Amino acid sequence: MNSSDDSPLTSGESYARLSAAAHDRFEALCAIRGRLGTSHRQGLDGTAHALRRGSMDPAIPSRHLLYLDLSAREPLAAVAVGDLDTATHVTFQLSGTGIRARNALWGSVREAGQLYLEQQKVGVAEPAVVAWLGYRTPNLAGALLNTAARRGLQRLGQDLATFVRLRPDKPLMAVEAHSYAATLAAQVLDAESGRGLGAQALAMIGSAGIPRHFSRDPGRLNVPSANIYEAIAEGDYLAWLGRAFSGRTLLAGHEFNVGPKPGLGLHAAQGHNTSQFRDDKPSSTRGYRDPDTLSLRNLALITTGQAPLP
């Protein structure tokens, strides 16, 4: 069996009810796991691991499945850390090239949990972070084109619109996008797209650039200009190559620091990956979303409406 009756975030009176329905569908899929194709089994197993108590830092609270969509060949998923019905600050965390629900769901949810914990450290008592893997990310060659981003726009647009509908009290909403997801984020927040979607903050890390019409006119992004940030870590050659060959560009004057901050015990991010640090190798390099980095600290500040550390 290679499909499910799962659907985007388009129904339910609250996220609690929506998540409960998604968990019910997930349990039904677990019951027929042996009849699923390989990629769908991988997505199902990754979801189970991400939701399982004890599968990550115990300080990270329980995770809430928003959907696991097996209606196409590539599984799509979204998992929340924190209570989306009551959170005062909500971040949609988007991942880029090669990061998919069937091969990286647990890691993506753990990263959402790490951002959640860091947001609490910077003074936000009730955050929530959504690990969003709701589109088929491209491979390295495909990342030079905008095709995958255009295909992901409908699902991301639906999910953000559902958030607006279910949270009419308008908590602060931010988007954090790594790698290729920066171009997806820019397009879904395009003020001239007719979607009417916006965010209070946008942080882009390891970006291979966004379409030139946004870099020429950042006002097209439905985000306050002062709250748009981007960073490229030392040694992030993939981001540099992506810009060189795709024709996309960065936004001048919107950089934030992801280097070291020894006085605060914060390390530098290096390279393109979001997570690189290994507990069994204390000298290993760190990625953009690794704990104890200035990068993660600044992402927590930006996504909660605060100014990043210089």
C-alpha atoms as a PDB file:
ATOM      1  CA  MET A   1       0.000   0.000   0.000  1.00  0.00           C
ATOM      2  CA  ASN A   2       1.532   3.314  -1.055  1.00  0.00           C
ATOM      3  CA  SER A   3      -0.933   5.958   0.061  1.00  0.00           C
ATOM      4  CA  SER A   4      -2.783   7.290   3.073  1.00  0.00           C
ATOM      5  CA  ASP A   5      -5.901   9.318   3.672  1.00  0.00           C
ATOM      6  CA  ASP A   6      -3.842  11.946   5.464  1.00  0.00           C
ATOM      7  CA  SER A   7      -4.259  15.539   4.421  1.00  0.00           C
ATOM      8  CA  PRO A   8      -2.669  18.945   5.008  1.00  0.00           C
ATOM      9  CA  LEU A   9      -3.530  21.105   7.986  1.00  0.00           C
ATOM     10  CA  THR A  10      -6.919  22.184   6.730  1.00  0.00           C
ATOM     11  CA  SER A  11      -9.385  20.955   9.346  1.00  0.00           C
ATOM     12  CA  GLY A  12      -9.904  20.880  13.095  1.00  0.00           C
ATOM     13  CA  GLU A  13     -10.931  23.470  15.636  1.00  0.00           C
ATOM     14  CA  SER A  14      -7.607  23.341  17.453  1.00  0.00           C
ATOM     15  CA  TYR A  15      -4.152  21.915  17.026  1.00  0.00           C
ATOM     16  CA  ALA A  16      -4.877  19.477  19.847  1.00  0.00           C
ATOM     17  CA  ARG A  17      -7.757  17.952  17.873  1.00  0.00           C
ATOM     18  CA  LEU A  18      -5.830  18.061  14.633  1.00  0.00           C
ATOM     19  CA  SER A  19      -2.864  16.313  16.234  1.00  0.00           C
ATOM     20  CA  ALA A  20      -5.075  13.695  17.892  1.00  0.00           C
ATOM     21  CA  ALA A  21      -6.556  12.839  14.494  1.00  0.00           C
ATOM     22  CA  ALA A  22      -3.071  12.657  12.968  1.00  0.00           C
ATOM     23  CA  HIS A  23      -1.923  10.300  15.721  1.00  0.00           C
ATOM     24  CA  ASP A  24      -4.955   8.079  15.088  1.00  0.00           C
ATOM     25  CA  ARG A  25      -4.072   7.866  11.392  1.00  0.00           C
ATOM     26  CA  PHE A  26      -0.449   7.209  12.315  1.00  0.00           C
ATOM     27  CA  GLU A  27      -1.497   4.254  14.509  1.00  0.00           C
ATOM     28  CA  ALA A  28      -3.603   2.892  11.647  1.00  0.00           C
ATOM     29  CA  LEU A  29      -0.583   3.099   9.329  1.00  0.00           C
ATOM     30  CA  CYS A  30       1.581   1.319  11.897  1.00  0.00           C
ATOM     31  CA  ALA A  31      -0.916  -1.550  11.825  1.00  0.00           C
ATOM     32  CA  ILE A  32      -0.327  -2.040   8.082  1.00  0.00           C
ATOM     33  CA  ARG A  33       3.382  -1.232   8.049  1.00  0.00           C
ATOM     34  CA  GLY A  34       4.250  -4.470   6.255  1.00  0.00           C
ATOM     35  CA  ARG A  35       2.086  -3.496   3.301  1.00  0.00           C
ATOM     36  CA  LEU A  36       3.798  -0.141   2.759  1.00  0.00           C
ATOM     37  CA  GLY A  37       6.545   0.584   0.261  1.00  0.00           C
ATOM     38  CA  THR A  38      10.124   1.118   1.410  1.00  0.00           C
ATOM     39  CA  SER A  39      10.123   4.923   1.503  1.00  0.00           C
ATOM     40  CA  HIS A  40       6.774   4.965   3.301  1.00  0.00           C
ATOM     41  CA  ARG A  41       8.041   2.495   5.906  1.00  0.00           C
ATOM     42  CA  GLN A  42      11.067   4.724   6.405  1.00  0.00           C
ATOM     43  CA  GLY A  43       8.823   7.751   6.935  1.00  0.00           C
ATOM     44  CA  LEU A  44       6.650   5.786   9.349  1.00  0.00           C
ATOM     45  CA  ASP A  45       9.638   4.500  11.318  1.00  0.00           C
ATOM     46  CA  GLY A  46      11.218   7.950  11.459  1.00  0.00           C
ATOM     47  CA  THR A  47       7.978   9.365  12.799  1.00  0.00           C
ATOM     48  CA  ALA A  48       7.746   6.660  15.449  1.00  0.00           C
ATOM     49  CA  HIS A  49      11.311   7.334  16.554  1.00  0.00           C
ATOM     50  CA  ALA A  50      10.768  11.105  16.676  1.00  0.00           C
ATOM     51  CA  LEU A  51       7.608  10.740  18.789  1.00  0.00           C
ATOM     52  CA  ARG A  52       8.986   8.081  21.135  1.00  0.00           C
ATOM     53  CA  ARG A  53       9.680   9.168  24.704  1.00  0.00           C
ATOM     54  CA  GLY A  54      13.355   8.907  25.502  1.00  0.00           C
ATOM     55  CA  SER A  55      14.491   9.130  21.882  1.00  0.00           C
ATOM     56  CA  MET A  56      16.135  12.515  22.451  1.00  0.00           C
ATOM     57  CA  ASP A  57      17.123  14.967  25.194  1.00  0.00           C
ATOM     58  CA  PRO A  58      14.591  14.456  28.029  1.00  0.00           C
ATOM     59  CA  ALA A  59      14.359  18.239  28.438  1.00  0.00           C
ATOM     60  CA  ILE A  60      12.609  18.383  25.057  1.00  0.00           C
ATOM     61  CA  PRO A  61       8.860  18.045  25.714  1.00  0.00           C
ATOM     62  CA  SER A  62       6.494  15.599  24.085  1.00  0.00           C
ATOM     63  CA  ARG A  63       6.175  15.906  20.324  1.00  0.00           C
ATOM     64  CA  HIS A  64       2.876  16.308  18.468  1.00  0.00           C
ATOM     65  CA  LEU A  65       2.356  14.882  14.994  1.00  0.00           C
ATOM     66  CA  LEU A  66       0.565  17.315  12.703  1.00  0.00           C
ATOM     67  CA  TYR A  67       0.585  15.031   9.689  1.00  0.00           C
ATOM     68  CA  LEU A  68       2.367  12.151   8.033  1.00  0.00           C
ATOM     69  CA  ASP A  69       1.258  12.211   4.419  1.00  0.00           C
ATOM     70  CA  LEU A  70       1.922   9.058   2.397  1.00  0.00           C
ATOM     71  CA  SER A  71      -0.297   9.976  -0.533  1.00  0.00           C
ATOM     72  CA  ALA A  72       2.694  10.413  -2.863  1.00  0.00           C
ATOM     73  CA  ARG A  73       5.946   8.533  -3.360  1.00  0.00           C
ATOM     74  CA  GLU A  74       7.839  10.846  -1.017  1.00  0.00           C
ATOM     75  CA  PRO A  75       6.521  10.935   2.592  1.00  0.00           C
ATOM     76  CA  LEU A  76       5.754  14.415   3.909  1.00  0.00           C
ATOM     77  CA  ALA A  77       5.482  15.308   7.577  1.00  0.00           C
ATOM     78  CA  ALA A  78       5.205  18.053  10.166  1.00  0.00           C
ATOM     79  CA  VAL A  79       5.836  17.588  13.895  1.00  0.00           C
ATOM     80  CA  ALA A  80       5.456  20.218  16.618  1.00  0.00           C
ATOM     81  CA  VAL A  81       7.509  20.640  19.769  1.00  0.00           C
ATOM     82  CA  GLY A  82       5.479  22.608  22.292  1.00  0.00           C
ATOM     83  CA  ASP A  83       1.790  23.497  22.453  1.00  0.00           C
ATOM     84  CA  LEU A  84       0.695  25.244  19.260  1.00  0.00           C
ATOM     85  CA  ASP A  85      -2.654  26.189  20.823  1.00  0.00           C
ATOM     86  CA  THR A  86      -1.117  28.227  23.646  1.00  0.00           C
ATOM     87  CA  ALA A  87       2.415  29.172  22.518  1.00  0.00           C
ATOM     88  CA  THR A  88       3.245  32.875  22.569  1.00  0.00           C
ATOM     89  CA  HIS A  89       5.990  32.427  19.944  1.00  0.00           C
ATOM     90  CA  VAL A  90       5.794  29.911  17.088  1.00  0.00           C
ATOM     91  CA  THR A  91       8.574  29.051  14.652  1.00  0.00           C
ATOM     92  CA  PHE A  92       8.249  27.056  11.455  1.00  0.00           C
ATOM     93  CA  GLN A  93      11.651  25.429  10.909  1.00  0.00           C
ATOM     94  CA  LEU A  94      12.258  24.497   7.267  1.00  0.00           C
ATOM     95  CA  SER A  95      15.038  22.262   5.985  1.00  0.00           C
ATOM     96  CA  GLY A  96      16.735  22.152   2.636  1.00  0.00           C
ATOM     97  CA  THR A  97      18.549  19.972   0.134  1.00  0.00           C
ATOM     98  CA  GLY A  98      18.242  16.245   0.728  1.00  0.00           C
ATOM     99  CA  ILE A  99      16.511  16.521   4.124  1.00  0.00           C
ATOM    100  CA  ARG A 100      13.319  14.474   3.869  1.00  0.00           C
ATOM    101  CA  ALA A 101      10.856  12.783   6.188  1.00  0.00           C
ATOM    102  CA  ARG A 102      12.059   9.308   5.219  1.00  0.00           C
ATOM    103  CA  ASN A 103      15.710   9.961   6.027  1.00  0.00           C
ATOM    104  CA  ALA A 104      15.929  12.825   8.514  1.00  0.00           C
ATOM    105  CA  LEU A 105      12.692  13.226  10.464  1.00  0.00           C
ATOM    106  CA  TRP A 106      14.113  12.342  13.875  1.00  0.00           C
ATOM    107  CA  GLY A 107      17.067  14.699  13.406  1.00  0.00           C
ATOM    108  CA  SER A 108      14.815  17.519  12.201  1.00  0.00           C
ATOM    109  CA  VAL A 109      12.484  17.128  15.177  1.00  0.00           C
ATOM    110  CA  ARG A 110      15.447  17.033  17.556  1.00  0.00           C
ATOM    111  CA  GLU A 111      16.678  20.296  16.025  1.00  0.00           C
ATOM    112  CA  ALA A 112      13.231  21.811  16.555  1.00  0.00           C
ATOM    113  CA  GLY A 113      13.476  20.697  20.166  1.00  0.00           C
ATOM    114  CA  GLN A 114      16.897  22.266  20.523  1.00  0.00           C
ATOM    115  CA  LEU A 115      15.568  25.575  19.220  1.00  0.00           C
ATOM    116  CA  TYR A 116      12.620  25.280  21.625  1.00  0.00           C
ATOM    117  CA  LEU A 117      14.992  24.876  24.585  1.00  0.00           C
ATOM    118  CA  GLU A 118      17.166  27.771  23.396  1.00  0.00           C
ATOM    119  CA  GLN A 119      14.108  30.011  23.028  1.00  0.00           C
ATOM    120  CA  GLN A 120      13.296  29.286  26.649  1.00  0.00           C
ATOM    121  CA  LYS A 121      16.863  30.255  27.578  1.00  0.00           C
ATOM    122  CA  VAL A 122      16.380  33.682  25.985  1.00  0.00           C
ATOM    123  CA  GLY A 123      13.264  34.368  28.030  1.00  0.00           C
ATOM    124  CA  VAL A 124      10.275  32.862  26.221  1.00  0.00           C
ATOM    125  CA  ALA A 125       8.292  30.647  28.569  1.00  0.00           C
ATOM    126  CA  GLU A 126       5.892  29.134  26.032  1.00  0.00           C
ATOM    127  CA  PRO A 127       7.427  28.678  22.592  1.00  0.00           C
ATOM    128  CA  ALA A 128       6.539  26.090  19.980  1.00  0.00           C
ATOM    129  CA  VAL A 129       8.616  24.963  17.009  1.00  0.00           C
ATOM    130  CA  VAL A 130       7.335  23.034  13.992  1.00  0.00           C
ATOM    131  CA  ALA A 131       9.765  20.714  12.216  1.00  0.00           C
ATOM    132  CA  TRP A 132       8.305  21.106   8.730  1.00  0.00           C
ATOM    133  CA  LEU A 133       9.210  18.546   6.075  1.00  0.00           C
ATOM    134  CA  GLY A 134       6.186  19.142   3.912  1.00  0.00           C
ATOM    135  CA  TYR A 135       7.841  19.170   0.486  1.00  0.00           C
ATOM    136  CA  ARG A 136      10.151  16.975  -1.537  1.00  0.00           C
ATOM    137  CA  THR A 137      13.473  18.712  -1.164  1.00  0.00           C
ATOM    138  CA  PRO A 138      15.778  18.649  -4.191  1.00  0.00           C
ATOM    139  CA  ASN A 139      19.107  16.900  -4.605  1.00  0.00           C
ATOM    140  CA  LEU A 140      22.214  19.011  -5.128  1.00  0.00           C
ATOM    141  CA  ALA A 141      21.637  19.444  -8.860  1.00  0.00           C
ATOM    142  CA  GLY A 142      17.955  20.256  -8.387  1.00  0.00           C
ATOM    143  CA  ALA A 143      18.848  22.867  -5.777  1.00  0.00           C
ATOM    144  CA  LEU A 144      20.120  25.104  -8.561  1.00  0.00           C
ATOM    145  CA  LEU A 145      16.523  25.498  -9.781  1.00  0.00           C
ATOM    146  CA  ASN A 146      13.417  26.912  -8.096  1.00  0.00           C
ATOM    147  CA  THR A 147      11.225  23.975  -9.168  1.00  0.00           C
ATOM    148  CA  ALA A 148      11.116  22.126  -5.825  1.00  0.00           C
ATOM    149  CA  ALA A 149      10.332  25.362  -3.988  1.00  0.00           C
ATOM    150  CA  ARG A 150       7.415  26.107  -6.305  1.00  0.00           C
ATOM    151  CA  ARG A 151       6.073  22.593  -5.709  1.00  0.00           C
ATOM    152  CA  GLY A 152       6.297  23.089  -1.953  1.00  0.00           C
ATOM    153  CA  LEU A 153       4.512  26.425  -1.939  1.00  0.00           C
ATOM    154  CA  GLN A 154       0.968  25.046  -1.850  1.00  0.00           C
ATOM    155  CA  ARG A 155       1.535  22.807   1.172  1.00  0.00           C
ATOM    156  CA  LEU A 156       3.515  25.393   3.136  1.00  0.00           C
ATOM    157  CA  GLY A 157       0.979  28.059   2.228  1.00  0.00           C
ATOM    158  CA  GLN A 158      -1.855  25.822   3.464  1.00  0.00           C
ATOM    159  CA  ASP A 159      -0.068  25.076   6.714  1.00  0.00           C
ATOM    160  CA  LEU A 160       0.707  28.726   7.431  1.00  0.00           C
ATOM    161  CA  ALA A 161      -2.863  29.708   6.558  1.00  0.00           C
ATOM    162  CA  THR A 162      -4.155  27.059   8.967  1.00  0.00           C
ATOM    163  CA  PHE A 163      -1.946  28.530  11.673  1.00  0.00           C
ATOM    164  CA  VAL A 164      -3.450  31.964  11.035  1.00  0.00           C
ATOM    165  CA  ARG A 165      -6.937  30.489  11.231  1.00  0.00           C
ATOM    166  CA  LEU A 166      -6.387  28.422  14.374  1.00  0.00           C
ATOM    167  CA  ARG A 167      -4.515  31.199  16.202  1.00  0.00           C
ATOM    168  CA  PRO A 168      -6.556  34.374  15.618  1.00  0.00           C
ATOM    169  CA  ASP A 169      -4.890  35.854  18.721  1.00  0.00           C
ATOM    170  CA  LYS A 170      -1.777  36.237  16.544  1.00  0.00           C
ATOM    171  CA  PRO A 171       1.201  34.998  18.541  1.00  0.00           C
ATOM    172  CA  LEU A 172       4.580  36.006  17.153  1.00  0.00           C
ATOM    173  CA  MET A 173       5.288  33.742  14.181  1.00  0.00           C
ATOM    174  CA  ALA A 174       8.731  33.301  12.651  1.00  0.00           C
ATOM    175  CA  VAL A 175      10.237  31.229   9.868  1.00  0.00           C
ATOM    176  CA  GLU A 176      13.715  29.703  10.103  1.00  0.00           C
ATOM    177  CA  ALA A 177      15.011  28.228   6.857  1.00  0.00           C
ATOM    178  CA  HIS A 178      18.182  26.309   6.115  1.00  0.00           C
ATOM    179  CA  SER A 179      19.870  25.915   2.748  1.00  0.00           C
ATOM    180  CA  TYR A 180      17.457  25.567  -0.190  1.00  0.00           C
ATOM    181  CA  ALA A 181      14.471  26.216   2.091  1.00  0.00           C
ATOM    182  CA  ALA A 182      15.398  29.909   2.089  1.00  0.00           C
ATOM    183  CA  THR A 183      14.070  30.271  -1.451  1.00  0.00           C
ATOM    184  CA  LEU A 184      10.883  28.415  -0.443  1.00  0.00           C
ATOM    185  CA  ALA A 185      10.431  30.729   2.538  1.00  0.00           C
ATOM    186  CA  ALA A 186      10.969  33.840   0.441  1.00  0.00           C
ATOM    187  CA  GLN A 187       8.408  32.770  -2.129  1.00  0.00           C
ATOM    188  CA  VAL A 188       5.698  31.807   0.356  1.00  0.00           C
ATOM    189  CA  LEU A 189       6.160  35.181   2.115  1.00  0.00           C
ATOM    190  CA  ASP A 190       6.085  37.155  -1.145  1.00  0.00           C
ATOM    191  CA  ALA A 191       3.749  40.095  -0.533  1.00  0.00           C
ATOM    192  CA  GLU A 192       2.890  40.178  -4.244  1.00  0.00           C
ATOM    193  CA  SER A 193       1.914  36.494  -4.461  1.00  0.00           C
ATOM    194  CA  GLY A 194      -1.694  36.993  -3.396  1.00  0.00           C
ATOM    195  CA  ARG A 195      -1.344  34.476  -0.557  1.00  0.00           C
ATOM    196  CA  GLY A 196      -1.472  37.181   2.092  1.00  0.00           C
ATOM    197  CA  LEU A 197       0.935  35.316   4.373  1.00  0.00           C
ATOM    198  CA  GLY A 198       3.514  37.031   6.517  1.00  0.00           C
ATOM    199  CA  ALA A 199       5.862  36.466   9.430  1.00  0.00           C
ATOM    200  CA  GLN A 200       7.242  38.672  12.174  1.00  0.00           C
ATOM    201  CA  ALA A 201      10.779  37.352  11.603  1.00  0.00           C
ATOM    202  CA  LEU A 202      12.732  35.399   9.000  1.00  0.00           C
ATOM    203  CA  ALA A 203      16.115  33.774   9.644  1.00  0.00           C
ATOM    204  CA  MET A 204      17.992  32.071   6.795  1.00  0.00           C
ATOM    205  CA  ILE A 205      21.071  29.922   7.462  1.00  0.00           C
ATOM    206  CA  GLY A 206      23.390  28.339   4.917  1.00  0.00           C
ATOM    207  CA  SER A 207      21.263  29.857   2.183  1.00  0.00           C
ATOM    208  CA  ALA A 208      22.255  29.385  -1.434  1.00  0.00           C
ATOM    209  CA  GLY A 209      20.473  32.675  -2.018  1.00  0.00           C
ATOM    210  CA  ILE A 210      16.935  33.715  -2.838  1.00  0.00           C
ATOM    211  CA  PRO A 211      15.511  34.839  -6.188  1.00  0.00           C
ATOM    212  CA  ARG A 212      17.021  38.128  -7.298  1.00  0.00           C
ATOM    213  CA  HIS A 213      13.746  40.041  -7.341  1.00  0.00           C
ATOM    214  CA  PHE A 214      13.640  39.688  -3.531  1.00  0.00           C
ATOM    215  CA  SER A 215      17.247  40.740  -3.043  1.00  0.00           C
ATOM    216  CA  ARG A 216      16.622  43.781  -5.236  1.00  0.00           C
ATOM    217  CA  ASP A 217      13.432  44.618  -3.345  1.00  0.00           C
ATOM    218  CA  PRO A 218      13.348  43.090   0.189  1.00  0.00           C
ATOM    219  CA  GLY A 219      10.114  45.000   0.749  1.00  0.00           C
ATOM    220  CA  ARG A 220       8.394  42.277  -1.283  1.00  0.00           C
ATOM    221  CA  LEU A 221       8.877  39.949   1.674  1.00  0.00           C
ATOM    222  CA  ASN A 222       5.913  40.237   4.021  1.00  0.00           C
ATOM    223  CA  VAL A 223       8.292  40.463   6.996  1.00  0.00           C
ATOM    224  CA  PRO A 224       9.490  43.622   8.793  1.00  0.00           C
ATOM    225  CA  SER A 225      12.789  44.517   7.147  1.00  0.00           C
ATOM    226  CA  ALA A 226      14.555  44.888  10.501  1.00  0.00           C
ATOM    227  CA  ASN A 227      13.643  41.276  11.348  1.00  0.00           C
ATOM    228  CA  ILE A 228      15.082  39.601   8.230  1.00  0.00           C
ATOM    229  CA  TYR A 229      18.423  37.918   8.892  1.00  0.00           C
ATOM    230  CA  GLU A 230      20.777  35.523   7.154  1.00  0.00           C
ATOM    231  CA  ALA A 231      24.086  33.861   7.971  1.00  0.00           C
ATOM    232  CA  ILE A 232      26.726  31.837   6.192  1.00  0.00           C
ATOM    233  CA  ALA A 233      29.137  29.885   8.402  1.00  0.00           C
ATOM    234  CA  GLU A 234      32.856  29.614   7.809  1.00  0.00           C
ATOM    235  CA  GLY A 235      33.522  26.734   5.434  1.00  0.00           C
ATOM    236  CA  ASP A 236      29.975  26.612   4.054  1.00  0.00           C
ATOM    237  CA  TYR A 237      31.088  26.040   0.483  1.00  0.00           C
ATOM    238  CA  LEU A 238      27.770  24.517  -0.615  1.00  0.00           C
ATOM    239  CA  ALA A 239      25.975  27.794   0.073  1.00  0.00           C
ATOM    240  CA  TRP A 240      28.620  29.682  -1.890  1.00  0.00           C
ATOM    241  CA  LEU A 241      28.489  27.256  -4.825  1.00  0.00           C
ATOM    242  CA  GLY A 242      24.700  27.322  -4.814  1.00  0.00           C
ATOM    243  CA  ARG A 243      24.676  31.090  -5.232  1.00  0.00           C
ATOM    244  CA  ALA A 244      27.388  30.987  -7.874  1.00  0.00           C
ATOM    245  CA  PHE A 245      25.576  28.494 -10.107  1.00  0.00           C
ATOM    246  CA  SER A 246      21.902  29.245  -9.419  1.00  0.00           C
ATOM    247  CA  GLY A 247      22.029  33.006  -9.933  1.00  0.00           C
ATOM    248  CA  ARG A 248      20.305  33.584  -6.587  1.00  0.00           C
ATOM    249  CA  THR A 249      21.700  36.159  -4.180  1.00  0.00           C
ATOM    250  CA  LEU A 250      21.823  37.137  -0.521  1.00  0.00           C
ATOM    251  CA  LEU A 251      20.419  40.271   1.108  1.00  0.00           C
ATOM    252  CA  ALA A 252      23.090  42.877   1.794  1.00  0.00           C
ATOM    253  CA  GLY A 253      23.035  44.302   5.301  1.00  0.00           C
ATOM    254  CA  HIS A 254      21.023  41.522   6.947  1.00  0.00           C
ATOM    255  CA  GLU A 255      23.840  39.313   8.253  1.00  0.00           C
ATOM    256  CA  PHE A 256      23.980  37.897  11.775  1.00  0.00           C
ATOM    257  CA  ASN A 257      26.932  36.373  13.592  1.00  0.00           C
ATOM    258  CA  VAL A 258      27.421  32.593  13.764  1.00  0.00           C
ATOM    259  CA  GLY A 259      31.053  32.723  14.839  1.00  0.00           C
ATOM    260  CA  PRO A 260      32.411  31.958  18.320  1.00  0.00           C
ATOM    261  CA  LYS A 261      31.519  33.854  21.486  1.00  0.00           C
ATOM    262  CA  PRO A 262      34.063  32.537  24.031  1.00  0.00           C
ATOM    263  CA  GLY A 263      32.920  34.884  26.776  1.00  0.00           C
ATOM    264  CA  LEU A 264      29.520  33.195  26.743  1.00  0.00           C
ATOM    265  CA  GLY A 265      30.888  29.697  26.140  1.00  0.00           C
ATOM    266  CA  LEU A 266      29.378  29.624  22.654  1.00  0.00           C
ATOM    267  CA  HIS A 267      31.103  27.928  19.736  1.00  0.00           C
ATOM    268  CA  ALA A 268      31.164  28.803  16.044  1.00  0.00           C
ATOM    269  CA  ALA A 269      29.107  26.995  13.442  1.00  0.00           C
ATOM    270  CA  GLN A 270      31.188  25.578  10.603  1.00  0.00           C
ATOM    271  CA  GLY A 271      30.313  24.124   7.236  1.00  0.00           C
ATOM    272  CA  HIS A 272      26.878  23.674   5.712  1.00  0.00           C
ATOM    273  CA  ASN A 273      25.161  21.138   7.956  1.00  0.00           C
ATOM    274  CA  THR A 274      22.703  22.029  10.680  1.00  0.00           C
ATOM    275  CA  SER A 275      23.963  19.376  13.114  1.00  0.00           C
ATOM    276  CA  GLN A 276      27.525  18.064  13.286  1.00  0.00           C
ATOM    277  CA  PHE A 277      28.487  17.866  16.965  1.00  0.00           C
ATOM    278  CA  ARG A 278      28.908  14.425  18.541  1.00  0.00           C
ATOM    279  CA  ASP A 279      28.898  13.915  22.296  1.00  0.00           C
ATOM    280  CA  ASP A 280      31.507  11.179  21.971  1.00  0.00           C
ATOM    281  CA  LYS A 281      33.826  13.587  20.129  1.00  0.00           C
ATOM    282  CA  PRO A 282      33.966  16.858  22.092  1.00  0.00           C
ATOM    283  CA  SER A 283      36.325  18.377  19.528  1.00  0.00           C
ATOM    284  CA  SER A 284      33.940  17.818  16.620  1.00  0.00           C
ATOM    285  CA  THR A 285      32.716  20.808  14.666  1.00  0.00           C
ATOM    286  CA  ARG A 286      29.259  22.235  15.192  1.00  0.00           C
ATOM    287  CA  GLY A 287      26.465  23.023  12.758  1.00  0.00           C
ATOM    288  CA  TYR A 288      24.029  25.898  12.564  1.00  0.00           C
ATOM    289  CA  ARG A 289      21.460  24.327  14.924  1.00  0.00           C
ATOM    290  CA  ASP A 290      23.809  22.606  17.355  1.00  0.00           C
ATOM    291  CA  PRO A 291      23.532  23.476  21.072  1.00  0.00           C
ATOM    292  CA  ASP A 292      26.174  25.722  22.627  1.00  0.00           C
ATOM    293  CA  THR A 293      26.674  27.718  19.417  1.00  0.00           C
ATOM    294  CA  LEU A 294      26.232  31.421  18.877  1.00  0.00           C
ATOM    295  CA  SER A 295      24.260  30.397  15.807  1.00  0.00           C
ATOM    296  CA  LEU A 296      21.542  28.614  17.796  1.00  0.00           C
ATOM    297  CA  ARG A 297      21.480  31.396  20.399  1.00  0.00           C
ATOM    298  CA  ASN A 298      20.978  34.006  17.708  1.00  0.00           C
ATOM    299  CA  LEU A 299      18.351  31.909  15.942  1.00  0.00           C
ATOM    300  CA  ALA A 300      16.448  31.739  19.232  1.00  0.00           C
ATOM    301  CA  LEU A 301      16.689  35.512  19.641  1.00  0.00           C
ATOM    302  CA  ILE A 302      15.670  36.316  16.061  1.00  0.00           C
ATOM    303  CA  THR A 303      12.729  33.903  15.985  1.00  0.00           C
ATOM    304  CA  THR A 304      11.339  35.340  19.233  1.00  0.00           C
ATOM    305  CA  GLY A 305      11.492  38.921  17.975  1.00  0.00           C
ATOM    306  CA  GLN A 306      14.739  39.926  19.679  1.00  0.00           C
ATOM    307  CA  ALA A 307      17.960  41.340  18.263  1.00  0.00           C
ATOM    308  CA  PRO A 308      20.782  38.829  17.718  1.00  0.00           C
ATOM    309  CA  LEU A 309      24.088  39.119  19.539  1.00  0.00           C
ATOM    310  CA  PRO A 310      26.823  40.836  17.520  1.00  0.00           C
END
